Amino acid sequence: MAVRKTTTTTRKAPAKKSTSSVGISIMGNSKADMRKWEVESAMSTLKRAAEIQKNAKLMADVKKMATEQARMFTNLANGKMK
Protein backbone atom coordinates (compact mmCIF):
# COMPACT_ATOMS: atom_id res chain seq x y z
CA MET A 1 0.00 0.00 0.00
CA ALA A 2 1.37 3.40 -0.92
CA VAL A 3 1.93 6.00 1.78
CA ARG A 4 0.38 9.32 0.98
CA LYS A 5 2.37 12.33 2.04
CA THR A 6 0.26 15.18 3.38
CA THR A 7 1.26 18.78 3.16
CA THR A 8 -0.18 21.78 4.86
CA THR A 9 -0.58 25.06 3.13
CA THR A 10 -0.58 28.35 4.89
CA ARG A 11 -2.74 31.21 3.82
CA LYS A 12 -1.26 34.60 3.54
CA ALA A 13 -2.99 37.43 5.33
CA PRO A 14 -4.56 39.88 2.91
CA ALA A 15 -2.37 42.83 2.14
CA LYS A 16 -3.18 45.98 4.04
CA LYS A 17 -4.83 48.63 1.97
CA SER A 18 -2.91 51.83 2.03
CA THR A 19 -4.49 55.15 2.73
CA SER A 20 -4.67 57.80 0.07
CA SER A 21 -1.53 59.47 -1.16
CA VAL A 22 -2.19 62.59 0.93
CA GLY A 23 -1.87 60.65 4.19
CA ILE A 24 -5.48 60.72 5.38
CA SER A 25 -6.09 57.95 7.86
CA ILE A 26 -9.20 55.80 7.93
CA MET A 27 -10.43 57.71 10.97
CA GLY A 28 -9.80 61.02 9.22
CA ASN A 29 -8.77 62.83 12.41
CA SER A 30 -5.37 63.94 13.49
CA LYS A 31 -4.29 64.04 17.12
CA ALA A 32 -4.73 67.81 17.07
CA ASP A 33 -8.31 67.43 15.81
CA MET A 34 -9.10 64.84 18.45
CA ARG A 35 -7.66 67.06 21.18
CA LYS A 36 -9.69 70.02 19.92
CA TRP A 37 -12.87 67.92 20.05
CA GLU A 38 -12.00 66.73 23.56
CA VAL A 39 -11.47 70.32 24.79
CA GLU A 40 -14.72 71.49 23.18
CA SER A 41 -16.60 68.60 24.77
CA ALA A 42 -15.13 69.35 28.20
CA MET A 43 -16.05 73.02 27.85
CA SER A 44 -19.62 72.06 26.97
CA THR A 45 -19.79 69.73 29.98
CA LEU A 46 -18.56 72.45 32.34
CA LYS A 47 -21.10 74.92 30.96
CA ARG A 48 -23.88 72.39 31.52
CA ALA A 49 -22.65 71.72 35.06
CA ALA A 50 -22.81 75.46 35.81
CA GLU A 51 -26.38 75.58 34.48
CA ILE A 52 -27.36 72.62 36.66
CA GLN A 53 -25.81 74.17 39.77
CA LYS A 54 -27.84 77.36 39.24
CA ASN A 55 -31.09 75.37 39.17
CA ALA A 56 -31.98 74.96 42.86
CA LYS A 57 -34.82 72.45 42.34
CA LEU A 58 -32.75 70.24 40.05
CA MET A 59 -29.78 70.36 42.45
CA ALA A 60 -32.04 69.31 45.35
CA ASP A 61 -33.20 66.30 43.31
CA VAL A 62 -29.60 65.49 42.33
CA LYS A 63 -28.50 65.59 45.97
CA LYS A 64 -31.43 63.36 46.98
CA MET A 65 -30.53 60.80 44.32
CA ALA A 66 -26.85 60.93 45.27
CA THR A 67 -27.77 60.24 48.90
CA GLU A 68 -29.93 57.26 47.88
CA GLN A 69 -27.15 55.83 45.71
CA ALA A 70 -24.54 56.35 48.41
CA ARG A 71 -26.77 54.44 50.82
CA MET A 72 -27.22 51.65 48.28
CA PHE A 73 -23.46 51.37 47.65
CA THR A 74 -22.78 51.35 51.40
CA ASN A 75 -25.24 48.51 51.86
CA LEU A 76 -23.73 46.66 48.92
CA ALA A 77 -20.21 47.07 50.33
CA ASN A 78 -21.41 45.75 53.69
CA GLY A 79 -23.03 42.72 52.06
CA LYS A 80 -26.57 43.88 52.68
CA MET A 81 -28.98 43.61 49.81
CA LYS A 82 -32.28 45.41 50.04
PDB file of N, CA and C in Angstrom:
ATOM      1  N   MET A   1       0.849  -1.168   0.000  1.00  0.00           N
ATOM      2  CA  MET A   1       0.000   0.000   0.000  1.00  0.00           C
ATOM      3  C   MET A   1       0.897   1.233   0.000  1.00  0.00           C
ATOM      4  N   ALA A   2       0.564   2.204  -0.792  1.00  0.00           N
ATOM      5  CA  ALA A   2       1.374   3.403  -0.917  1.00  0.00           C
ATOM      6  C   ALA A   2       1.066   4.362   0.223  1.00  0.00           C
ATOM      7  N   VAL A   3       2.094   5.025   0.708  1.00  0.00           N
ATOM      8  CA  VAL A   3       1.935   5.999   1.781  1.00  0.00           C
ATOM      9  C   VAL A   3       1.738   7.361   1.132  1.00  0.00           C
ATOM     10  N   ARG A   4       0.687   8.011   1.554  1.00  0.00           N
ATOM     11  CA  ARG A   4       0.383   9.320   0.983  1.00  0.00           C
ATOM     12  C   ARG A   4       0.973  10.401   1.881  1.00  0.00           C
ATOM     13  N   LYS A   5       1.740  11.251   1.278  1.00  0.00           N
ATOM     14  CA  LYS A   5       2.367  12.330   2.038  1.00  0.00           C
ATOM     15  C   LYS A   5       1.426  13.527   2.053  1.00  0.00           C
ATOM     16  N   THR A   6       1.147  14.025   3.269  1.00  0.00           N
ATOM     17  CA  THR A   6       0.257  15.183   3.377  1.00  0.00           C
ATOM     18  C   THR A   6       1.082  16.436   3.570  1.00  0.00           C
ATOM     19  N   THR A   7       0.598  17.487   3.001  1.00  0.00           N
ATOM     20  CA  THR A   7       1.263  18.781   3.164  1.00  0.00           C
ATOM     21  C   THR A   7       0.235  19.787   3.654  1.00  0.00           C
ATOM     22  N   THR A   8       0.708  20.720   4.405  1.00  0.00           N
ATOM     23  CA  THR A   8      -0.183  21.783   4.862  1.00  0.00           C
ATOM     24  C   THR A   8       0.180  23.052   4.131  1.00  0.00           C
ATOM     25  N   THR A   9      -0.821  23.777   3.793  1.00  0.00           N
ATOM     26  CA  THR A   9      -0.577  25.059   3.134  1.00  0.00           C
ATOM     27  C   THR A   9      -0.986  26.165   4.081  1.00  0.00           C
ATOM     28  N   THR A  10      -0.240  27.201   4.044  1.00  0.00           N
ATOM     29  CA  THR A  10      -0.578  28.352   4.891  1.00  0.00           C
ATOM     30  C   THR A  10      -1.141  29.439   4.012  1.00  0.00           C
ATOM     31  N   ARG A  11      -2.134  30.098   4.559  1.00  0.00           N
ATOM     32  CA  ARG A  11      -2.742  31.205   3.824  1.00  0.00           C
ATOM     33  C   ARG A  11      -2.064  32.497   4.231  1.00  0.00           C
ATOM     34  N   LYS A  12      -1.842  33.301   3.256  1.00  0.00           N
ATOM     35  CA  LYS A  12      -1.257  34.604   3.545  1.00  0.00           C
ATOM     36  C   LYS A  12      -2.368  35.561   3.962  1.00  0.00           C
ATOM     37  N   ALA A  13      -2.040  36.399   4.918  1.00  0.00           N
ATOM     38  CA  ALA A  13      -2.991  37.426   5.328  1.00  0.00           C
ATOM     39  C   ALA A  13      -3.163  38.405   4.184  1.00  0.00           C
ATOM     40  N   PRO A  14      -4.362  38.921   3.995  1.00  0.00           N
ATOM     41  CA  PRO A  14      -4.559  39.884   2.910  1.00  0.00           C
ATOM     42  C   PRO A  14      -3.700  41.120   3.136  1.00  0.00           C
ATOM     43  N   ALA A  15      -3.226  41.642   2.065  1.00  0.00           N
ATOM     44  CA  ALA A  15      -2.370  42.826   2.144  1.00  0.00           C
ATOM     45  C   ALA A  15      -3.169  43.996   2.686  1.00  0.00           C
ATOM     46  N   LYS A  16      -2.522  44.800   3.493  1.00  0.00           N
ATOM     47  CA  LYS A  16      -3.183  45.982   4.039  1.00  0.00           C
ATOM     48  C   LYS A  16      -3.391  46.993   2.932  1.00  0.00           C
ATOM     49  N   LYS A  17      -4.556  47.592   2.948  1.00  0.00           N
ATOM     50  CA  LYS A  17      -4.833  48.631   1.969  1.00  0.00           C
ATOM     51  C   LYS A  17      -4.222  49.923   2.474  1.00  0.00           C
ATOM     52  N   SER A  18      -3.543  50.584   1.614  1.00  0.00           N
ATOM     53  CA  SER A  18      -2.911  51.830   2.028  1.00  0.00           C
ATOM     54  C   SER A  18      -3.925  52.958   1.972  1.00  0.00           C
ATOM     55  N   THR A  19      -3.636  53.978   2.740  1.00  0.00           N
ATOM     56  CA  THR A  19      -4.495  55.152   2.726  1.00  0.00           C
ATOM     57  C   THR A  19      -4.145  55.964   1.500  1.00  0.00           C
ATOM     58  N   SER A  20      -4.899  56.994   1.260  1.00  0.00           N
ATOM     59  CA  SER A  20      -4.670  57.801   0.072  1.00  0.00           C
ATOM     60  C   SER A  20      -3.291  58.440   0.100  1.00  0.00           C
ATOM     61  N   SER A  21      -2.884  58.937  -1.022  1.00  0.00           N
ATOM     62  CA  SER A  21      -1.530  59.470  -1.156  1.00  0.00           C
ATOM     63  C   SER A  21      -1.300  60.731  -0.336  1.00  0.00           C
ATOM     64  N   VAL A  22      -2.371  61.381   0.134  1.00  0.00           N
ATOM     65  CA  VAL A  22      -2.189  62.591   0.928  1.00  0.00           C
ATOM     66  C   VAL A  22      -2.047  62.285   2.403  1.00  0.00           C
ATOM     67  N   GLY A  23      -2.109  61.023   2.802  1.00  0.00           N
ATOM     68  CA  GLY A  23      -1.869  60.647   4.186  1.00  0.00           C
ATOM     69  C   GLY A  23      -3.077  60.747   5.095  1.00  0.00           C
ATOM     70  N   ILE A  24      -4.271  60.675   4.546  1.00  0.00           N
ATOM     71  CA  ILE A  24      -5.479  60.718   5.375  1.00  0.00           C
ATOM     72  C   ILE A  24      -5.703  59.326   5.937  1.00  0.00           C
ATOM     73  N   SER A  25      -5.875  59.246   7.241  1.00  0.00           N
ATOM     74  CA  SER A  25      -6.094  57.948   7.863  1.00  0.00           C
ATOM     75  C   SER A  25      -7.550  57.540   7.685  1.00  0.00           C
ATOM     76  N   ILE A  26      -7.838  56.310   8.024  1.00  0.00           N
ATOM     77  CA  ILE A  26      -9.198  55.800   7.927  1.00  0.00           C
ATOM     78  C   ILE A  26     -10.115  56.606   8.839  1.00  0.00           C
ATOM     79  N   MET A  27      -9.630  56.940  10.025  1.00  0.00           N
ATOM     80  CA  MET A  27     -10.425  57.711  10.972  1.00  0.00           C
ATOM     81  C   MET A  27     -10.613  59.144  10.490  1.00  0.00           C
ATOM     82  N   GLY A  28      -9.665  59.679   9.762  1.00  0.00           N
ATOM     83  CA  GLY A  28      -9.797  61.017   9.221  1.00  0.00           C
ATOM     84  C   GLY A  28      -9.508  62.127  10.215  1.00  0.00           C
ATOM     85  N   ASN A  29      -9.029  61.807  11.412  1.00  0.00           N
ATOM     86  CA  ASN A  29      -8.774  62.833  12.414  1.00  0.00           C
ATOM     87  C   ASN A  29      -7.333  62.757  12.886  1.00  0.00           C
ATOM     88  N   SER A  30      -6.716  63.893  12.952  1.00  0.00           N
ATOM     89  CA  SER A  30      -5.367  63.943  13.488  1.00  0.00           C
ATOM     90  C   SER A  30      -5.443  64.055  15.005  1.00  0.00           C
ATOM     91  N   LYS A  31      -4.314  63.901  15.657  1.00  0.00           N
ATOM     92  CA  LYS A  31      -4.294  64.038  17.123  1.00  0.00           C
ATOM     93  C   LYS A  31      -4.738  65.432  17.534  1.00  0.00           C
ATOM     94  N   ALA A  32      -4.342  66.427  16.757  1.00  0.00           N
ATOM     95  CA  ALA A  32      -4.730  67.809  17.074  1.00  0.00           C
ATOM     96  C   ALA A  32      -6.244  67.976  16.972  1.00  0.00           C
ATOM     97  N   ASP A  33      -6.860  67.350  15.960  1.00  0.00           N
ATOM     98  CA  ASP A  33      -8.311  67.433  15.806  1.00  0.00           C
ATOM     99  C   ASP A  33      -9.025  66.728  16.957  1.00  0.00           C
ATOM    100  N   MET A  34      -8.497  65.572  17.347  1.00  0.00           N
ATOM    101  CA  MET A  34      -9.096  64.835  18.454  1.00  0.00           C
ATOM    102  C   MET A  34      -8.993  65.626  19.753  1.00  0.00           C
ATOM    103  N   ARG A  35      -7.855  66.257  19.976  1.00  0.00           N
ATOM    104  CA  ARG A  35      -7.660  67.063  21.181  1.00  0.00           C
ATOM    105  C   ARG A  35      -8.615  68.255  21.190  1.00  0.00           C
ATOM    106  N   LYS A  36      -8.781  68.885  20.020  1.00  0.00           N
ATOM    107  CA  LYS A  36      -9.691  70.024  19.919  1.00  0.00           C
ATOM    108  C   LYS A  36     -11.117  69.588  20.260  1.00  0.00           C
ATOM    109  N   TRP A  37     -11.534  68.434  19.738  1.00  0.00           N
ATOM    110  CA  TRP A  37     -12.867  67.917  20.050  1.00  0.00           C
ATOM    111  C   TRP A  37     -12.996  67.643  21.541  1.00  0.00           C
ATOM    112  N   GLU A  38     -11.959  67.051  22.138  1.00  0.00           N
ATOM    113  CA  GLU A  38     -11.996  66.735  23.564  1.00  0.00           C
ATOM    114  C   GLU A  38     -12.143  67.998  24.405  1.00  0.00           C
ATOM    115  N   VAL A  39     -11.410  69.044  24.052  1.00  0.00           N
ATOM    116  CA  VAL A  39     -11.473  70.316  24.786  1.00  0.00           C
ATOM    117  C   VAL A  39     -12.854  70.950  24.628  1.00  0.00           C
ATOM    118  N   GLU A  40     -13.395  70.928  23.407  1.00  0.00           N
ATOM    119  CA  GLU A  40     -14.725  71.494  23.176  1.00  0.00           C
ATOM    120  C   GLU A  40     -15.789  70.731  23.969  1.00  0.00           C
ATOM    121  N   SER A  41     -15.658  69.418  24.018  1.00  0.00           N
ATOM    122  CA  SER A  41     -16.601  68.601  24.773  1.00  0.00           C
ATOM    123  C   SER A  41     -16.516  68.910  26.266  1.00  0.00           C
ATOM    124  N   ALA A  42     -15.308  69.035  26.785  1.00  0.00           N
ATOM    125  CA  ALA A  42     -15.129  69.352  28.200  1.00  0.00           C
ATOM    126  C   ALA A  42     -15.718  70.722  28.527  1.00  0.00           C
ATOM    127  N   MET A  43     -15.511  71.671  27.625  1.00  0.00           N
ATOM    128  CA  MET A  43     -16.049  73.017  27.847  1.00  0.00           C
ATOM    129  C   MET A  43     -17.571  72.975  27.891  1.00  0.00           C
ATOM    130  N   SER A  44     -18.170  72.213  26.995  1.00  0.00           N
ATOM    131  CA  SER A  44     -19.621  72.065  26.972  1.00  0.00           C
ATOM    132  C   SER A  44     -20.122  71.420  28.263  1.00  0.00           C
ATOM    133  N   THR A  45     -19.412  70.419  28.738  1.00  0.00           N
ATOM    134  CA  THR A  45     -19.786  69.734  29.975  1.00  0.00           C
ATOM    135  C   THR A  45     -19.732  70.692  31.158  1.00  0.00           C
ATOM    136  N   LEU A  46     -18.687  71.494  31.233  1.00  0.00           N
ATOM    137  CA  LEU A  46     -18.559  72.448  32.343  1.00  0.00           C
ATOM    138  C   LEU A  46     -19.646  73.521  32.293  1.00  0.00           C
ATOM    139  N   LYS A  47     -20.006  73.951  31.089  1.00  0.00           N
ATOM    140  CA  LYS A  47     -21.100  74.923  30.962  1.00  0.00           C
ATOM    141  C   LYS A  47     -22.403  74.322  31.462  1.00  0.00           C
ATOM    142  N   ARG A  48     -22.647  73.073  31.088  1.00  0.00           N
ATOM    143  CA  ARG A  48     -23.875  72.393  31.517  1.00  0.00           C
ATOM    144  C   ARG A  48     -23.891  72.219  33.036  1.00  0.00           C
ATOM    145  N   ALA A  49     -22.730  71.881  33.608  1.00  0.00           N
ATOM    146  CA  ALA A  49     -22.646  71.725  35.063  1.00  0.00           C
ATOM    147  C   ALA A  49     -22.985  73.039  35.765  1.00  0.00           C
ATOM    148  N   ALA A  50     -22.511  74.150  35.215  1.00  0.00           N
ATOM    149  CA  ALA A  50     -22.812  75.457  35.814  1.00  0.00           C
ATOM    150  C   ALA A  50     -24.310  75.747  35.744  1.00  0.00           C
ATOM    151  N   GLU A  51     -24.931  75.379  34.619  1.00  0.00           N
ATOM    152  CA  GLU A  51     -26.379  75.583  34.483  1.00  0.00           C
ATOM    153  C   GLU A  51     -27.142  74.738  35.506  1.00  0.00           C
ATOM    154  N   ILE A  52     -26.702  73.513  35.699  1.00  0.00           N
ATOM    155  CA  ILE A  52     -27.360  72.622  36.661  1.00  0.00           C
ATOM    156  C   ILE A  52     -27.221  73.170  38.073  1.00  0.00           C
ATOM    157  N   GLN A  53     -26.038  73.652  38.426  1.00  0.00           N
ATOM    158  CA  GLN A  53     -25.805  74.171  39.769  1.00  0.00           C
ATOM    159  C   GLN A  53     -26.645  75.409  40.058  1.00  0.00           C
ATOM    160  N   LYS A  54     -27.008  76.168  39.044  1.00  0.00           N
ATOM    161  CA  LYS A  54     -27.841  77.362  39.238  1.00  0.00           C
ATOM    162  C   LYS A  54     -29.316  77.019  39.432  1.00  0.00           C
ATOM    163  N   ASN A  55     -29.706  75.803  39.071  1.00  0.00           N
ATOM    164  CA  ASN A  55     -31.094  75.370  39.172  1.00  0.00           C
ATOM    165  C   ASN A  55     -31.299  74.690  40.535  1.00  0.00           C
ATOM    166  N   ALA A  56     -31.866  75.435  41.482  1.00  0.00           N
ATOM    167  CA  ALA A  56     -31.984  74.956  42.861  1.00  0.00           C
ATOM    168  C   ALA A  56     -32.834  73.688  42.972  1.00  0.00           C
ATOM    169  N   LYS A  57     -33.950  73.623  42.258  1.00  0.00           N
ATOM    170  CA  LYS A  57     -34.822  72.453  42.339  1.00  0.00           C
ATOM    171  C   LYS A  57     -34.108  71.224  41.775  1.00  0.00           C
ATOM    172  N   LEU A  58     -33.462  71.369  40.656  1.00  0.00           N
ATOM    173  CA  LEU A  58     -32.746  70.242  40.054  1.00  0.00           C
ATOM    174  C   LEU A  58     -31.611  69.781  40.966  1.00  0.00           C
ATOM    175  N   MET A  59     -30.882  70.724  41.557  1.00  0.00           N
ATOM    176  CA  MET A  59     -29.783  70.358  42.453  1.00  0.00           C
ATOM    177  C   MET A  59     -30.294  69.622  43.687  1.00  0.00           C
ATOM    178  N   ALA A  60     -31.459  70.013  44.191  1.00  0.00           N
ATOM    179  CA  ALA A  60     -32.041  69.314  45.351  1.00  0.00           C
ATOM    180  C   ALA A  60     -32.351  67.866  44.973  1.00  0.00           C
ATOM    181  N   ASP A  61     -32.896  67.665  43.774  1.00  0.00           N
ATOM    182  CA  ASP A  61     -33.197  66.303  43.314  1.00  0.00           C
ATOM    183  C   ASP A  61     -31.918  65.503  43.074  1.00  0.00           C
ATOM    184  N   VAL A  62     -30.892  66.155  42.569  1.00  0.00           N
ATOM    185  CA  VAL A  62     -29.602  65.491  42.333  1.00  0.00           C
ATOM    186  C   VAL A  62     -29.006  65.047  43.668  1.00  0.00           C
ATOM    187  N   LYS A  63     -29.037  65.928  44.651  1.00  0.00           N
ATOM    188  CA  LYS A  63     -28.496  65.586  45.970  1.00  0.00           C
ATOM    189  C   LYS A  63     -29.276  64.436  46.606  1.00  0.00           C
ATOM    190  N   LYS A  64     -30.604  64.436  46.437  1.00  0.00           N
ATOM    191  CA  LYS A  64     -31.429  63.361  46.983  1.00  0.00           C
ATOM    192  C   LYS A  64     -31.047  62.027  46.338  1.00  0.00           C
ATOM    193  N   MET A  65     -30.900  62.029  45.015  1.00  0.00           N
ATOM    194  CA  MET A  65     -30.530  60.804  44.320  1.00  0.00           C
ATOM    195  C   MET A  65     -29.125  60.349  44.716  1.00  0.00           C
ATOM    196  N   ALA A  66     -28.211  61.279  44.871  1.00  0.00           N
ATOM    197  CA  ALA A  66     -26.847  60.930  45.270  1.00  0.00           C
ATOM    198  C   ALA A  66     -26.842  60.289  46.657  1.00  0.00           C
ATOM    199  N   THR A  67     -27.669  60.806  47.554  1.00  0.00           N
ATOM    200  CA  THR A  67     -27.768  60.235  48.899  1.00  0.00           C
ATOM    201  C   THR A  67     -28.311  58.812  48.841  1.00  0.00           C
ATOM    202  N   GLU A  68     -29.349  58.600  48.025  1.00  0.00           N
ATOM    203  CA  GLU A  68     -29.926  57.263  47.875  1.00  0.00           C
ATOM    204  C   GLU A  68     -28.900  56.274  47.312  1.00  0.00           C
ATOM    205  N   GLN A  69     -28.150  56.714  46.307  1.00  0.00           N
ATOM    206  CA  GLN A  69     -27.154  55.831  45.706  1.00  0.00           C
ATOM    207  C   GLN A  69     -26.004  55.558  46.660  1.00  0.00           C
ATOM    208  N   ALA A  70     -25.609  56.557  47.423  1.00  0.00           N
ATOM    209  CA  ALA A  70     -24.541  56.349  48.407  1.00  0.00           C
ATOM    210  C   ALA A  70     -24.981  55.317  49.438  1.00  0.00           C
ATOM    211  N   ARG A  71     -26.229  55.406  49.865  1.00  0.00           N
ATOM    212  CA  ARG A  71     -26.767  54.435  50.823  1.00  0.00           C
ATOM    213  C   ARG A  71     -26.776  53.037  50.207  1.00  0.00           C
ATOM    214  N   MET A  72     -27.178  52.936  48.950  1.00  0.00           N
ATOM    215  CA  MET A  72     -27.220  51.647  48.275  1.00  0.00           C
ATOM    216  C   MET A  72     -25.811  51.050  48.160  1.00  0.00           C
ATOM    217  N   PHE A  73     -24.836  51.861  47.787  1.00  0.00           N
ATOM    218  CA  PHE A  73     -23.459  51.366  47.655  1.00  0.00           C
ATOM    219  C   PHE A  73     -22.871  50.962  49.012  1.00  0.00           C
ATOM    220  N   THR A  74     -23.231  51.711  50.059  1.00  0.00           N
ATOM    221  CA  THR A  74     -22.775  51.350  51.400  1.00  0.00           C
ATOM    222  C   THR A  74     -23.340  49.996  51.797  1.00  0.00           C
ATOM    223  N   ASN A  75     -24.621  49.801  51.545  1.00  0.00           N
ATOM    224  CA  ASN A  75     -25.243  48.509  51.857  1.00  0.00           C
ATOM    225  C   ASN A  75     -24.615  47.395  51.034  1.00  0.00           C
ATOM    226  N   LEU A  76     -24.351  47.652  49.786  1.00  0.00           N
ATOM    227  CA  LEU A  76     -23.734  46.656  48.920  1.00  0.00           C
ATOM    228  C   LEU A  76     -22.334  46.303  49.427  1.00  0.00           C
ATOM    229  N   ALA A  77     -21.570  47.304  49.816  1.00  0.00           N
ATOM    230  CA  ALA A  77     -20.212  47.070  50.331  1.00  0.00           C
ATOM    231  C   ALA A  77     -20.228  46.280  51.629  1.00  0.00           C
ATOM    232  N   ASN A  78     -21.279  46.460  52.419  1.00  0.00           N
ATOM    233  CA  ASN A  78     -21.409  45.746  53.689  1.00  0.00           C
ATOM    234  C   ASN A  78     -22.086  44.390  53.543  1.00  0.00           C
ATOM    235  N   GLY A  79     -22.413  44.011  52.313  1.00  0.00           N
ATOM    236  CA  GLY A  79     -23.025  42.720  52.062  1.00  0.00           C
ATOM    237  C   GLY A  79     -24.510  42.668  52.309  1.00  0.00           C
ATOM    238  N   LYS A  80     -25.120  43.819  52.446  1.00  0.00           N
ATOM    239  CA  LYS A  80     -26.566  43.877  52.683  1.00  0.00           C
ATOM    240  C   LYS A  80     -27.266  44.178  51.356  1.00  0.00           C
ATOM    241  N   MET A  81     -28.202  43.355  51.012  1.00  0.00           N
ATOM    242  CA  MET A  81     -28.983  43.606  49.807  1.00  0.00           C
ATOM    243  C   MET A  81     -30.398  43.954  50.224  1.00  0.00           C
ATOM    244  N   LYS A  82     -30.948  44.982  49.668  1.00  0.00           N
ATOM    245  CA  LYS A  82     -32.284  45.409  50.044  1.00  0.00           C
ATOM    246  C   LYS A  82     -33.249  45.169  48.919  1.00  0.00           C
TER     247      LYS A  82
END
